[in-house]
Amino acid sequence: MKVLITGAAGFIGYHLVKKMLDLEFEVIGLDNVNDFYDVDLKYARLQETGIMASQIEEGKFTQSRTYPAYKFVKMSIEDKMGMSELFANEQFGVVCHLAAQAGVRYSLENPFAYIDSNLVGFANILECCRHNHVKHLVYASSSSVYGLNEKVPFSEEDRVDYPISLYAATKKANELLAHSYSHLYRIQCTGLRFFTVYGPWGRPDMAPFLFTRGIINKEPIKVFNNGDMLRDFTYIDDLIEGVFRVIKLPFPVNEEATSPTGAPYRIMNIGNSKPIRLSDFISCIEEATGVPAVKHMYPMQPGDVTITYADTSLLEKNTGYHPSTPLFDGVNKYVEWFKTYYTLQG
């Protein structure tokens, strides 16, 4: 089966590409390699899958040096013509759509980046799936759609009508658009609400990176809400295993996992179901590095929430998913990667 993975140079996309290739799927990766964060990290991820930066040309395939079944194309999902040609030529069986403009706080500074990528780009994905008979579209939503929901753990049955950031609003819009296409054109769609993913090759704009870098360099770290926020930290390997199981999951599974309209559409949480206090996460990094943190306390930021907590019972019931990485083990692996990667970078 041929699989398209968008966002292939991103944190989650890179790990999913590796998983699918190791299981001998034919994979095409797509990413525009934008400069939202360090492009060198993105190219380093690509190099880990045999895609050399010096060989990449916009809109053209680059063949992996290490995986015969892997090709990469540098392209923006907003490129309607390029995407249409790609889908028509390749006839993907499965599309795993992870490309998006990420970040809650950045959405306050550059809202149109989110409109272009998360709305226009996602509409292109849906249209391409519609016209090319894609069997299953799996796409990344976000725990941010739950907004200020005070009921925990967060369930797929909870109302998510009041997003408190533009990023969250675009992710909720993705779910609505996907349902419409699923209902109208019988496209099999699964939206996955990711909860605070961390691990090796993680994004440098995220808290685990910022905390680890600051602690290792003995620099002050910004801690919001006195470290009292709770996050459902989910280790990358656990999340990728969950995504892979969903990709294989047939339709329909049962009434719980299908739209009330009868559309072949479902939403599922992927998280750890064990929220951790931010201050405790920082303590794990201190223990893993052997360096005490210098903490500067700040109030809550616009768009932030006090807790994320995934009810993953639907995913567990239908796929047998169960996260298995203890927090300290995951943090140790992340810190080990961080030290190795940034030592090599000089």
C-alpha atoms as a PDB file:
ATOM      1  CA  MET A   1       0.000   0.000   0.000  1.00  0.00           C
ATOM      2  CA  LYS A   2       1.261   3.470  -0.886  1.00  0.00           C
ATOM      3  CA  VAL A   3       1.021   6.010   1.942  1.00  0.00           C
ATOM      4  CA  LEU A   4       1.369   9.803   1.827  1.00  0.00           C
ATOM      5  CA  ILE A   5       2.639  11.413   5.026  1.00  0.00           C
ATOM      6  CA  THR A   6       2.467  15.204   5.051  1.00  0.00           C
ATOM      7  CA  GLY A   7       4.649  17.079   7.496  1.00  0.00           C
ATOM      8  CA  ALA A   8       7.347  14.440   6.952  1.00  0.00           C
ATOM      9  CA  ALA A   9      10.148  16.761   8.127  1.00  0.00           C
ATOM     10  CA  GLY A  10       8.235  17.539  11.313  1.00  0.00           C
ATOM     11  CA  PHE A  11       8.552  15.905  14.710  1.00  0.00           C
ATOM     12  CA  ILE A  12       5.636  13.470  14.516  1.00  0.00           C
ATOM     13  CA  GLY A  13       5.861  13.084  10.739  1.00  0.00           C
ATOM     14  CA  TYR A  14       9.505  12.013  10.878  1.00  0.00           C
ATOM     15  CA  HIS A  15       8.782   9.308  13.445  1.00  0.00           C
ATOM     16  CA  LEU A  16       5.754   8.035  11.514  1.00  0.00           C
ATOM     17  CA  VAL A  17       7.772   7.866   8.287  1.00  0.00           C
ATOM     18  CA  LYS A  18      10.386   5.747  10.085  1.00  0.00           C
ATOM     19  CA  LYS A  19       7.702   3.449  11.533  1.00  0.00           C
ATOM     20  CA  MET A  20       5.976   2.890   8.196  1.00  0.00           C
ATOM     21  CA  LEU A  21       9.237   2.284   6.353  1.00  0.00           C
ATOM     22  CA  ASP A  22      10.467  -0.172   8.981  1.00  0.00           C
ATOM     23  CA  LEU A  23       7.205  -2.069   8.416  1.00  0.00           C
ATOM     24  CA  GLU A  24       7.884  -2.082   4.652  1.00  0.00           C
ATOM     25  CA  PHE A  25       5.169   0.271   3.448  1.00  0.00           C
ATOM     26  CA  GLU A  26       5.759   2.347   0.327  1.00  0.00           C
ATOM     27  CA  VAL A  27       5.897   5.936   1.592  1.00  0.00           C
ATOM     28  CA  ILE A  28       5.956   9.364   0.033  1.00  0.00           C
ATOM     29  CA  GLY A  29       6.785  12.179   2.435  1.00  0.00           C
ATOM     30  CA  LEU A  30       5.805  15.786   1.846  1.00  0.00           C
ATOM     31  CA  ASP A  31       6.857  18.956   3.649  1.00  0.00           C
ATOM     32  CA  ASN A  32       7.481  22.583   2.719  1.00  0.00           C
ATOM     33  CA  VAL A  33      10.357  22.813   5.261  1.00  0.00           C
ATOM     34  CA  ASN A  34       9.324  26.308   6.349  1.00  0.00           C
ATOM     35  CA  ASP A  35      11.255  28.421   8.842  1.00  0.00           C
ATOM     36  CA  PHE A  36       8.694  28.474  11.672  1.00  0.00           C
ATOM     37  CA  TYR A  37      11.520  26.858  13.638  1.00  0.00           C
ATOM     38  CA  ASP A  38      15.088  25.725  12.945  1.00  0.00           C
ATOM     39  CA  VAL A  39      15.195  24.336   9.381  1.00  0.00           C
ATOM     40  CA  ASP A  40      18.485  22.577  10.156  1.00  0.00           C
ATOM     41  CA  LEU A  41      16.598  20.327  12.576  1.00  0.00           C
ATOM     42  CA  LYS A  42      14.046  19.548   9.859  1.00  0.00           C
ATOM     43  CA  TYR A  43      16.764  18.688   7.348  1.00  0.00           C
ATOM     44  CA  ALA A  44      18.526  16.567   9.971  1.00  0.00           C
ATOM     45  CA  ARG A  45      15.327  14.550  10.447  1.00  0.00           C
ATOM     46  CA  LEU A  46      15.082  14.080   6.690  1.00  0.00           C
ATOM     47  CA  GLN A  47      18.699  12.969   6.563  1.00  0.00           C
ATOM     48  CA  GLU A  48      17.909  10.289   9.145  1.00  0.00           C
ATOM     49  CA  THR A  49      15.567   8.780   6.528  1.00  0.00           C
ATOM     50  CA  GLY A  50      18.119   9.073   3.716  1.00  0.00           C
ATOM     51  CA  ILE A  51      16.878  12.343   2.228  1.00  0.00           C
ATOM     52  CA  MET A  52      19.843  14.672   1.697  1.00  0.00           C
ATOM     53  CA  ALA A  53      19.220  18.423   1.771  1.00  0.00           C
ATOM     54  CA  SER A  54      21.585  19.023  -1.153  1.00  0.00           C
ATOM     55  CA  GLN A  55      19.406  16.849  -3.407  1.00  0.00           C
ATOM     56  CA  ILE A  56      16.036  18.427  -2.595  1.00  0.00           C
ATOM     57  CA  GLU A  57      14.386  20.482  -5.326  1.00  0.00           C
ATOM     58  CA  GLU A  58      11.040  22.198  -4.953  1.00  0.00           C
ATOM     59  CA  GLY A  59       8.211  20.092  -6.361  1.00  0.00           C
ATOM     60  CA  LYS A  60      10.447  17.173  -7.398  1.00  0.00           C
ATOM     61  CA  PHE A  61      10.916  13.762  -5.832  1.00  0.00           C
ATOM     62  CA  THR A  62      14.070  13.000  -3.861  1.00  0.00           C
ATOM     63  CA  GLN A  63      14.815   9.293  -3.516  1.00  0.00           C
ATOM     64  CA  SER A  64      15.981   8.103  -0.097  1.00  0.00           C
ATOM     65  CA  ARG A  65      19.536   6.764   0.009  1.00  0.00           C
ATOM     66  CA  THR A  66      18.668   4.248   2.738  1.00  0.00           C
ATOM     67  CA  TYR A  67      15.042   3.274   2.061  1.00  0.00           C
ATOM     68  CA  PRO A  68      14.208   2.114  -1.487  1.00  0.00           C
ATOM     69  CA  ALA A  69      10.485   2.485  -0.688  1.00  0.00           C
ATOM     70  CA  TYR A  70      10.754   6.149   0.339  1.00  0.00           C
ATOM     71  CA  LYS A  71      10.580   9.325  -1.715  1.00  0.00           C
ATOM     72  CA  PHE A  72      10.272  12.899  -0.490  1.00  0.00           C
ATOM     73  CA  VAL A  73       8.808  15.972  -2.166  1.00  0.00           C
ATOM     74  CA  LYS A  74       9.212  19.547  -0.970  1.00  0.00           C
ATOM     75  CA  MET A  75       5.813  21.144  -1.470  1.00  0.00           C
ATOM     76  CA  SER A  76       3.278  23.262   0.414  1.00  0.00           C
ATOM     77  CA  ILE A  77      -0.156  21.798   0.953  1.00  0.00           C
ATOM     78  CA  GLU A  78      -1.535  25.204  -0.094  1.00  0.00           C
ATOM     79  CA  ASP A  79      -0.226  24.507  -3.631  1.00  0.00           C
ATOM     80  CA  LYS A  80      -3.506  23.397  -5.187  1.00  0.00           C
ATOM     81  CA  MET A  81      -2.113  22.460  -8.602  1.00  0.00           C
ATOM     82  CA  GLY A  82       0.944  20.684  -7.226  1.00  0.00           C
ATOM     83  CA  MET A  83      -1.112  18.688  -4.762  1.00  0.00           C
ATOM     84  CA  SER A  84      -3.657  17.735  -7.417  1.00  0.00           C
ATOM     85  CA  GLU A  85      -0.924  16.445  -9.721  1.00  0.00           C
ATOM     86  CA  LEU A  86       0.761  14.532  -6.900  1.00  0.00           C
ATOM     87  CA  PHE A  87      -2.430  12.728  -5.901  1.00  0.00           C
ATOM     88  CA  ALA A  88      -3.454  11.995  -9.494  1.00  0.00           C
ATOM     89  CA  ASN A  89      -0.046  10.530 -10.332  1.00  0.00           C
ATOM     90  CA  GLU A  90       0.543   8.515  -7.168  1.00  0.00           C
ATOM     91  CA  GLN A  91      -2.948   7.216  -6.255  1.00  0.00           C
ATOM     92  CA  PHE A  92      -2.383   6.859  -2.522  1.00  0.00           C
ATOM     93  CA  GLY A  93      -4.245   4.213  -0.547  1.00  0.00           C
ATOM     94  CA  VAL A  94      -3.839   6.055   2.759  1.00  0.00           C
ATOM     95  CA  VAL A  95      -3.086   9.689   3.553  1.00  0.00           C
ATOM     96  CA  CYS A  96      -1.762  10.617   6.983  1.00  0.00           C
ATOM     97  CA  HIS A  97      -2.003  14.385   7.157  1.00  0.00           C
ATOM     98  CA  LEU A  98       0.256  15.887   9.820  1.00  0.00           C
ATOM     99  CA  ALA A  99       1.373  19.102   8.102  1.00  0.00           C
ATOM    100  CA  ALA A 100       0.020  22.228   9.788  1.00  0.00           C
ATOM    101  CA  GLN A 101       1.020  25.568  11.176  1.00  0.00           C
ATOM    102  CA  ALA A 102       1.529  24.683  14.823  1.00  0.00           C
ATOM    103  CA  GLY A 103       1.819  26.711  18.013  1.00  0.00           C
ATOM    104  CA  VAL A 104      -0.802  28.427  20.149  1.00  0.00           C
ATOM    105  CA  ARG A 105       1.150  31.584  20.983  1.00  0.00           C
ATOM    106  CA  TYR A 106       2.424  32.152  17.439  1.00  0.00           C
ATOM    107  CA  SER A 107      -1.189  32.253  16.243  1.00  0.00           C
ATOM    108  CA  LEU A 108      -1.513  35.561  18.108  1.00  0.00           C
ATOM    109  CA  GLU A 109       1.312  37.027  16.017  1.00  0.00           C
ATOM    110  CA  ASN A 110       0.669  35.576  12.557  1.00  0.00           C
ATOM    111  CA  PRO A 111      -2.957  34.447  12.178  1.00  0.00           C
ATOM    112  CA  PHE A 112      -2.868  34.183   8.395  1.00  0.00           C
ATOM    113  CA  ALA A 113      -0.224  31.460   8.546  1.00  0.00           C
ATOM    114  CA  TYR A 114      -2.880  29.329  10.256  1.00  0.00           C
ATOM    115  CA  ILE A 115      -5.603  30.256   7.789  1.00  0.00           C
ATOM    116  CA  ASP A 116      -3.379  29.381   4.824  1.00  0.00           C
ATOM    117  CA  SER A 117      -1.966  26.089   6.076  1.00  0.00           C
ATOM    118  CA  ASN A 118      -4.609  24.736   8.432  1.00  0.00           C
ATOM    119  CA  LEU A 119      -7.702  25.756   6.454  1.00  0.00           C
ATOM    120  CA  VAL A 120      -6.760  26.272   2.796  1.00  0.00           C
ATOM    121  CA  GLY A 121      -4.172  23.494   2.908  1.00  0.00           C
ATOM    122  CA  PHE A 122      -6.544  21.092   4.626  1.00  0.00           C
ATOM    123  CA  ALA A 123      -9.262  21.849   2.064  1.00  0.00           C
ATOM    124  CA  ASN A 124      -6.772  20.899  -0.654  1.00  0.00           C
ATOM    125  CA  ILE A 125      -6.097  17.597   1.105  1.00  0.00           C
ATOM    126  CA  LEU A 126      -9.825  16.836   1.287  1.00  0.00           C
ATOM    127  CA  GLU A 127     -10.400  17.707  -2.365  1.00  0.00           C
ATOM    128  CA  CYS A 128      -7.480  15.544  -3.449  1.00  0.00           C
ATOM    129  CA  CYS A 129      -8.766  12.620  -1.383  1.00  0.00           C
ATOM    130  CA  ARG A 130     -12.232  13.099  -2.870  1.00  0.00           C
ATOM    131  CA  HIS A 131     -11.089  13.044  -6.484  1.00  0.00           C
ATOM    132  CA  ASN A 132      -8.529  10.242  -6.162  1.00  0.00           C
ATOM    133  CA  HIS A 133     -10.406   7.582  -4.197  1.00  0.00           C
ATOM    134  CA  VAL A 134      -8.161   7.600  -1.126  1.00  0.00           C
ATOM    135  CA  LYS A 135      -9.283   4.718   1.099  1.00  0.00           C
ATOM    136  CA  HIS A 136      -8.517   6.335   4.464  1.00  0.00           C
ATOM    137  CA  LEU A 137      -7.587   9.866   5.524  1.00  0.00           C
ATOM    138  CA  VAL A 138      -6.006  10.084   8.972  1.00  0.00           C
ATOM    139  CA  TYR A 139      -5.365  13.660  10.093  1.00  0.00           C
ATOM    140  CA  ALA A 140      -3.960  15.414  13.131  1.00  0.00           C
ATOM    141  CA  SER A 141      -6.351  17.362  15.284  1.00  0.00           C
ATOM    142  CA  SER A 142      -5.356  18.586  18.743  1.00  0.00           C
ATOM    143  CA  SER A 143      -6.270  18.473  22.412  1.00  0.00           C
ATOM    144  CA  SER A 144      -6.515  22.273  22.157  1.00  0.00           C
ATOM    145  CA  VAL A 145     -10.041  21.888  20.733  1.00  0.00           C
ATOM    146  CA  TYR A 146     -11.258  21.111  24.284  1.00  0.00           C
ATOM    147  CA  GLY A 147     -10.543  24.725  25.279  1.00  0.00           C
ATOM    148  CA  LEU A 148     -11.439  25.512  28.881  1.00  0.00           C
ATOM    149  CA  ASN A 149     -13.324  22.262  29.394  1.00  0.00           C
ATOM    150  CA  GLU A 150     -13.417  21.665  33.155  1.00  0.00           C
ATOM    151  CA  LYS A 151     -14.657  18.066  32.936  1.00  0.00           C
ATOM    152  CA  VAL A 152     -11.756  15.627  33.005  1.00  0.00           C
ATOM    153  CA  PRO A 153     -10.642  13.434  31.451  1.00  0.00           C
ATOM    154  CA  PHE A 154     -11.491  14.940  28.062  1.00  0.00           C
ATOM    155  CA  SER A 155     -13.775  12.654  26.055  1.00  0.00           C
ATOM    156  CA  GLU A 156     -14.550  12.657  22.352  1.00  0.00           C
ATOM    157  CA  GLU A 157     -18.190  13.108  23.379  1.00  0.00           C
ATOM    158  CA  ASP A 158     -17.499  16.448  25.116  1.00  0.00           C
ATOM    159  CA  ARG A 159     -18.646  19.665  23.444  1.00  0.00           C
ATOM    160  CA  VAL A 160     -15.786  21.539  21.767  1.00  0.00           C
ATOM    161  CA  ASP A 161     -17.593  24.648  20.579  1.00  0.00           C
ATOM    162  CA  TYR A 162     -15.518  27.302  22.343  1.00  0.00           C
ATOM    163  CA  PRO A 163     -11.857  27.275  21.229  1.00  0.00           C
ATOM    164  CA  ILE A 164      -9.697  29.856  23.018  1.00  0.00           C
ATOM    165  CA  SER A 165      -6.936  30.183  20.398  1.00  0.00           C
ATOM    166  CA  LEU A 166      -6.906  30.551  16.629  1.00  0.00           C
ATOM    167  CA  TYR A 167      -4.832  27.377  16.408  1.00  0.00           C
ATOM    168  CA  ALA A 168      -7.532  25.458  18.267  1.00  0.00           C
ATOM    169  CA  ALA A 169     -10.232  27.019  16.094  1.00  0.00           C
ATOM    170  CA  THR A 170      -8.498  25.828  12.909  1.00  0.00           C
ATOM    171  CA  LYS A 171      -8.205  22.308  14.303  1.00  0.00           C
ATOM    172  CA  LYS A 172     -11.886  22.256  15.192  1.00  0.00           C
ATOM    173  CA  ALA A 173     -12.637  23.573  11.689  1.00  0.00           C
ATOM    174  CA  ASN A 174     -10.621  20.662  10.261  1.00  0.00           C
ATOM    175  CA  GLU A 175     -12.851  18.221  12.097  1.00  0.00           C
ATOM    176  CA  LEU A 176     -15.981  19.894  10.724  1.00  0.00           C
ATOM    177  CA  LEU A 177     -14.647  19.996   7.167  1.00  0.00           C
ATOM    178  CA  ALA A 178     -13.558  16.362   7.352  1.00  0.00           C
ATOM    179  CA  HIS A 179     -16.988  15.296   8.567  1.00  0.00           C
ATOM    180  CA  SER A 180     -18.687  17.155   5.723  1.00  0.00           C
ATOM    181  CA  TYR A 181     -16.506  15.465   3.115  1.00  0.00           C
ATOM    182  CA  SER A 182     -16.910  12.102   4.785  1.00  0.00           C
ATOM    183  CA  HIS A 183     -20.689  12.493   4.772  1.00  0.00           C
ATOM    184  CA  LEU A 184     -20.979  13.836   1.226  1.00  0.00           C
ATOM    185  CA  TYR A 185     -18.366  11.721  -0.547  1.00  0.00           C
ATOM    186  CA  ARG A 186     -18.040   8.678   1.751  1.00  0.00           C
ATOM    187  CA  ILE A 187     -14.372   9.387   2.434  1.00  0.00           C
ATOM    188  CA  GLN A 188     -13.183   7.317   5.383  1.00  0.00           C
ATOM    189  CA  CYS A 189     -11.758   9.874   7.841  1.00  0.00           C
ATOM    190  CA  THR A 190     -10.177   9.593  11.268  1.00  0.00           C
ATOM    191  CA  GLY A 191      -9.233  12.704  13.240  1.00  0.00           C
ATOM    192  CA  LEU A 192      -6.720  12.223  16.029  1.00  0.00           C
ATOM    193  CA  ARG A 193      -6.581  14.635  18.946  1.00  0.00           C
ATOM    194  CA  PHE A 194      -2.945  14.611  20.048  1.00  0.00           C
ATOM    195  CA  PHE A 195      -2.023  15.411  23.662  1.00  0.00           C
ATOM    196  CA  THR A 196       1.339  17.109  24.427  1.00  0.00           C
ATOM    197  CA  VAL A 197       3.766  14.893  22.532  1.00  0.00           C
ATOM    198  CA  TYR A 198       7.440  14.869  23.539  1.00  0.00           C
ATOM    199  CA  GLY A 199      10.553  12.854  22.762  1.00  0.00           C
ATOM    200  CA  PRO A 200      13.716  12.763  20.607  1.00  0.00           C
ATOM    201  CA  TRP A 201      13.712  15.104  17.597  1.00  0.00           C
ATOM    202  CA  GLY A 202      11.037  17.248  19.265  1.00  0.00           C
ATOM    203  CA  ARG A 203      10.237  20.813  18.231  1.00  0.00           C
ATOM    204  CA  PRO A 204      12.497  23.573  19.625  1.00  0.00           C
ATOM    205  CA  ASP A 205       9.542  25.877  20.318  1.00  0.00           C
ATOM    206  CA  MET A 206       7.983  23.409  22.761  1.00  0.00           C
ATOM    207  CA  ALA A 207       8.380  23.363  26.538  1.00  0.00           C
ATOM    208  CA  PRO A 208      10.496  20.150  26.806  1.00  0.00           C
ATOM    209  CA  PHE A 209      13.121  21.656  24.486  1.00  0.00           C
ATOM    210  CA  LEU A 210      13.076  25.090  26.114  1.00  0.00           C
ATOM    211  CA  PHE A 211      13.321  23.616  29.610  1.00  0.00           C
ATOM    212  CA  THR A 212      16.088  21.160  28.688  1.00  0.00           C
ATOM    213  CA  ARG A 213      18.184  23.742  26.866  1.00  0.00           C
ATOM    214  CA  GLY A 214      17.833  26.258  29.679  1.00  0.00           C
ATOM    215  CA  ILE A 215      18.613  23.758  32.429  1.00  0.00           C
ATOM    216  CA  ILE A 216      21.656  22.287  30.643  1.00  0.00           C
ATOM    217  CA  ASN A 217      23.013  25.775  29.908  1.00  0.00           C
ATOM    218  CA  LYS A 218      22.184  26.955  33.460  1.00  0.00           C
ATOM    219  CA  GLU A 219      19.983  29.705  32.048  1.00  0.00           C
ATOM    220  CA  PRO A 220      16.636  30.854  33.480  1.00  0.00           C
ATOM    221  CA  ILE A 221      13.558  29.047  32.180  1.00  0.00           C
ATOM    222  CA  LYS A 222      10.108  30.604  31.909  1.00  0.00           C
ATOM    223  CA  VAL A 223       7.553  28.739  34.014  1.00  0.00           C
ATOM    224  CA  PHE A 224       3.957  29.808  33.507  1.00  0.00           C
ATOM    225  CA  ASN A 225       1.234  29.680  36.162  1.00  0.00           C
ATOM    226  CA  ASN A 226       3.848  28.755  38.820  1.00  0.00           C
ATOM    227  CA  GLY A 227       4.256  25.353  37.172  1.00  0.00           C
ATOM    228  CA  ASP A 228       0.771  24.332  38.282  1.00  0.00           C
ATOM    229  CA  MET A 229      -0.519  23.500  34.803  1.00  0.00           C
ATOM    230  CA  LEU A 230      -1.194  19.813  34.112  1.00  0.00           C
ATOM    231  CA  ARG A 231      -0.243  18.287  30.775  1.00  0.00           C
ATOM    232  CA  ASP A 232      -0.933  14.807  29.442  1.00  0.00           C
ATOM    233  CA  PHE A 233       2.670  14.294  28.314  1.00  0.00           C
ATOM    234  CA  THR A 234       2.704  11.521  25.694  1.00  0.00           C
ATOM    235  CA  TYR A 235       5.960   9.905  24.588  1.00  0.00           C
ATOM    236  CA  ILE A 236       6.482   9.906  20.839  1.00  0.00           C
ATOM    237  CA  ASP A 237       6.866   6.127  20.434  1.00  0.00           C
ATOM    238  CA  ASP A 238       3.550   5.528  22.212  1.00  0.00           C
ATOM    239  CA  LEU A 239       1.791   8.085  20.049  1.00  0.00           C
ATOM    240  CA  ILE A 240       3.225   6.670  16.804  1.00  0.00           C
ATOM    241  CA  GLU A 241       2.097   3.168  17.749  1.00  0.00           C
ATOM    242  CA  GLY A 242      -1.405   4.549  18.289  1.00  0.00           C
ATOM    243  CA  VAL A 243      -1.393   6.339  14.923  1.00  0.00           C
ATOM    244  CA  PHE A 244      -0.250   3.194  13.152  1.00  0.00           C
ATOM    245  CA  ARG A 245      -3.007   1.120  14.736  1.00  0.00           C
ATOM    246  CA  VAL A 246      -5.575   3.688  13.612  1.00  0.00           C
ATOM    247  CA  ILE A 247      -4.241   3.623  10.052  1.00  0.00           C
ATOM    248  CA  LYS A 248      -4.939  -0.114   9.962  1.00  0.00           C
ATOM    249  CA  LEU A 249      -8.322   0.144  11.701  1.00  0.00           C
ATOM    250  CA  PRO A 250     -11.203  -0.765   9.350  1.00  0.00           C
ATOM    251  CA  PHE A 251     -14.557   1.003   8.993  1.00  0.00           C
ATOM    252  CA  PRO A 252     -16.972   0.701  10.600  1.00  0.00           C
ATOM    253  CA  VAL A 253     -15.652  -0.437  13.952  1.00  0.00           C
ATOM    254  CA  ASN A 254     -18.733   0.166  16.022  1.00  0.00           C
ATOM    255  CA  GLU A 255     -21.340   2.849  16.552  1.00  0.00           C
ATOM    256  CA  GLU A 256     -19.203   4.630  19.139  1.00  0.00           C
ATOM    257  CA  ALA A 257     -16.466   5.278  16.583  1.00  0.00           C
ATOM    258  CA  THR A 258     -18.725   6.397  13.735  1.00  0.00           C
ATOM    259  CA  SER A 259     -20.536   9.674  13.053  1.00  0.00           C
ATOM    260  CA  PRO A 260     -24.224   9.909  14.110  1.00  0.00           C
ATOM    261  CA  THR A 261     -24.970  10.793  10.474  1.00  0.00           C
ATOM    262  CA  GLY A 262     -23.685   7.407   9.375  1.00  0.00           C
ATOM    263  CA  ALA A 263     -20.626   8.912   7.686  1.00  0.00           C
ATOM    264  CA  PRO A 264     -17.436   6.809   7.842  1.00  0.00           C
ATOM    265  CA  TYR A 265     -15.905   9.353  10.192  1.00  0.00           C
ATOM    266  CA  ARG A 266     -14.477   9.185  13.682  1.00  0.00           C
ATOM    267  CA  ILE A 267     -12.567  11.256  16.228  1.00  0.00           C
ATOM    268  CA  MET A 268     -10.172   9.666  18.713  1.00  0.00           C
ATOM    269  CA  ASN A 269      -7.924  10.941  21.484  1.00  0.00           C
ATOM    270  CA  ILE A 270      -4.298   9.851  21.649  1.00  0.00           C
ATOM    271  CA  GLY A 271      -2.663  10.681  24.954  1.00  0.00           C
ATOM    272  CA  ASN A 272      -1.058   9.185  28.021  1.00  0.00           C
ATOM    273  CA  SER A 273      -4.135   9.518  30.288  1.00  0.00           C
ATOM    274  CA  LYS A 274      -1.851  10.457  33.185  1.00  0.00           C
ATOM    275  CA  PRO A 275      -1.558  14.253  33.387  1.00  0.00           C
ATOM    276  CA  ILE A 276       1.670  15.505  34.937  1.00  0.00           C
ATOM    277  CA  ARG A 277       2.184  18.797  36.736  1.00  0.00           C
ATOM    278  CA  LEU A 278       4.552  21.043  34.786  1.00  0.00           C
ATOM    279  CA  SER A 279       6.754  21.481  37.851  1.00  0.00           C
ATOM    280  CA  ASP A 280       7.109  17.694  38.112  1.00  0.00           C
ATOM    281  CA  PHE A 281       8.084  17.454  34.441  1.00  0.00           C
ATOM    282  CA  ILE A 282      10.784  20.054  35.093  1.00  0.00           C
ATOM    283  CA  SER A 283      11.971  18.011  38.085  1.00  0.00           C
ATOM    284  CA  CYS A 284      12.409  14.985  35.805  1.00  0.00           C
ATOM    285  CA  ILE A 285      14.602  17.041  33.475  1.00  0.00           C
ATOM    286  CA  GLU A 286      16.642  18.260  36.462  1.00  0.00           C
ATOM    287  CA  GLU A 287      17.184  14.651  37.552  1.00  0.00           C
ATOM    288  CA  ALA A 288      18.040  13.475  34.027  1.00  0.00           C
ATOM    289  CA  THR A 289      20.559  16.288  33.486  1.00  0.00           C
ATOM    290  CA  GLY A 290      21.870  16.522  37.046  1.00  0.00           C
ATOM    291  CA  VAL A 291      21.443  20.297  36.886  1.00  0.00           C
ATOM    292  CA  PRO A 292      19.011  22.371  39.003  1.00  0.00           C
ATOM    293  CA  ALA A 293      16.676  24.676  37.101  1.00  0.00           C
ATOM    294  CA  VAL A 294      16.721  28.446  37.454  1.00  0.00           C
ATOM    295  CA  LYS A 295      13.007  29.238  37.304  1.00  0.00           C
ATOM    296  CA  HIS A 296      11.426  32.561  36.414  1.00  0.00           C
ATOM    297  CA  MET A 297       7.711  32.512  37.145  1.00  0.00           C
ATOM    298  CA  TYR A 298       5.164  34.062  34.781  1.00  0.00           C
ATOM    299  CA  PRO A 299       1.343  34.253  34.742  1.00  0.00           C
ATOM    300  CA  MET A 300      -0.850  32.229  32.400  1.00  0.00           C
ATOM    301  CA  GLN A 301      -0.518  33.235  28.765  1.00  0.00           C
ATOM    302  CA  PRO A 302      -3.414  34.007  26.366  1.00  0.00           C
ATOM    303  CA  GLY A 303      -4.638  30.809  24.703  1.00  0.00           C
ATOM    304  CA  ASP A 304      -3.164  28.492  27.352  1.00  0.00           C
ATOM    305  CA  VAL A 305      -5.249  26.056  29.390  1.00  0.00           C
ATOM    306  CA  THR A 306      -4.644  24.774  32.912  1.00  0.00           C
ATOM    307  CA  ILE A 307      -5.053  21.065  32.157  1.00  0.00           C
ATOM    308  CA  THR A 308      -5.055  18.550  29.331  1.00  0.00           C
ATOM    309  CA  TYR A 309      -6.150  15.016  30.161  1.00  0.00           C
ATOM    310  CA  ALA A 310      -7.083  12.417  27.551  1.00  0.00           C
ATOM    311  CA  ASP A 311      -9.761   9.800  27.908  1.00  0.00           C
ATOM    312  CA  THR A 312      -8.281   7.187  25.544  1.00  0.00           C
ATOM    313  CA  SER A 313     -10.821   4.446  26.245  1.00  0.00           C
ATOM    314  CA  LEU A 314     -12.257   4.599  22.705  1.00  0.00           C
ATOM    315  CA  LEU A 315      -8.840   4.125  21.130  1.00  0.00           C
ATOM    316  CA  GLU A 316      -7.946   1.385  23.607  1.00  0.00           C
ATOM    317  CA  LYS A 317     -11.236  -0.452  22.995  1.00  0.00           C
ATOM    318  CA  ASN A 318     -10.824  -0.475  19.225  1.00  0.00           C
ATOM    319  CA  THR A 319      -7.070  -0.883  18.779  1.00  0.00           C
ATOM    320  CA  GLY A 320      -5.692  -2.194  22.071  1.00  0.00           C
ATOM    321  CA  TYR A 321      -3.622   0.996  22.387  1.00  0.00           C
ATOM    322  CA  HIS A 322      -1.966   1.463  25.743  1.00  0.00           C
ATOM    323  CA  PRO A 323       0.966   3.856  26.350  1.00  0.00           C
ATOM    324  CA  SER A 324       3.861   2.060  27.992  1.00  0.00           C
ATOM    325  CA  THR A 325       6.646   4.633  28.475  1.00  0.00           C
ATOM    326  CA  PRO A 326       7.025   5.929  32.063  1.00  0.00           C
ATOM    327  CA  LEU A 327       7.610   9.683  32.257  1.00  0.00           C
ATOM    328  CA  PHE A 328      11.136   9.481  33.646  1.00  0.00           C
ATOM    329  CA  ASP A 329      12.193   6.966  30.978  1.00  0.00           C
ATOM    330  CA  GLY A 330      10.792   9.189  28.251  1.00  0.00           C
ATOM    331  CA  VAL A 331      12.477  12.294  29.643  1.00  0.00           C
ATOM    332  CA  ASN A 332      15.786  10.424  29.952  1.00  0.00           C
ATOM    333  CA  LYS A 333      15.607   9.367  26.304  1.00  0.00           C
ATOM    334  CA  TYR A 334      14.785  12.908  25.271  1.00  0.00           C
ATOM    335  CA  VAL A 335      17.647  14.429  27.273  1.00  0.00           C
ATOM    336  CA  GLU A 336      20.068  11.820  25.901  1.00  0.00           C
ATOM    337  CA  TRP A 337      19.047  12.683  22.337  1.00  0.00           C
ATOM    338  CA  PHE A 338      19.238  16.422  23.081  1.00  0.00           C
ATOM    339  CA  LYS A 339      22.799  16.166  24.398  1.00  0.00           C
ATOM    340  CA  THR A 340      23.937  13.986  21.499  1.00  0.00           C
ATOM    341  CA  TYR A 341      22.326  16.045  18.747  1.00  0.00           C
ATOM    342  CA  TYR A 342      23.437  19.442  19.979  1.00  0.00           C
ATOM    343  CA  THR A 343      26.965  18.220  20.783  1.00  0.00           C
ATOM    344  CA  LEU A 344      27.276  17.071  17.176  1.00  0.00           C
ATOM    345  CA  GLN A 345      25.901  20.424  16.001  1.00  0.00           C
ATOM    346  CA  GLY A 346      28.655  22.178  17.910  1.00  0.00           C
END
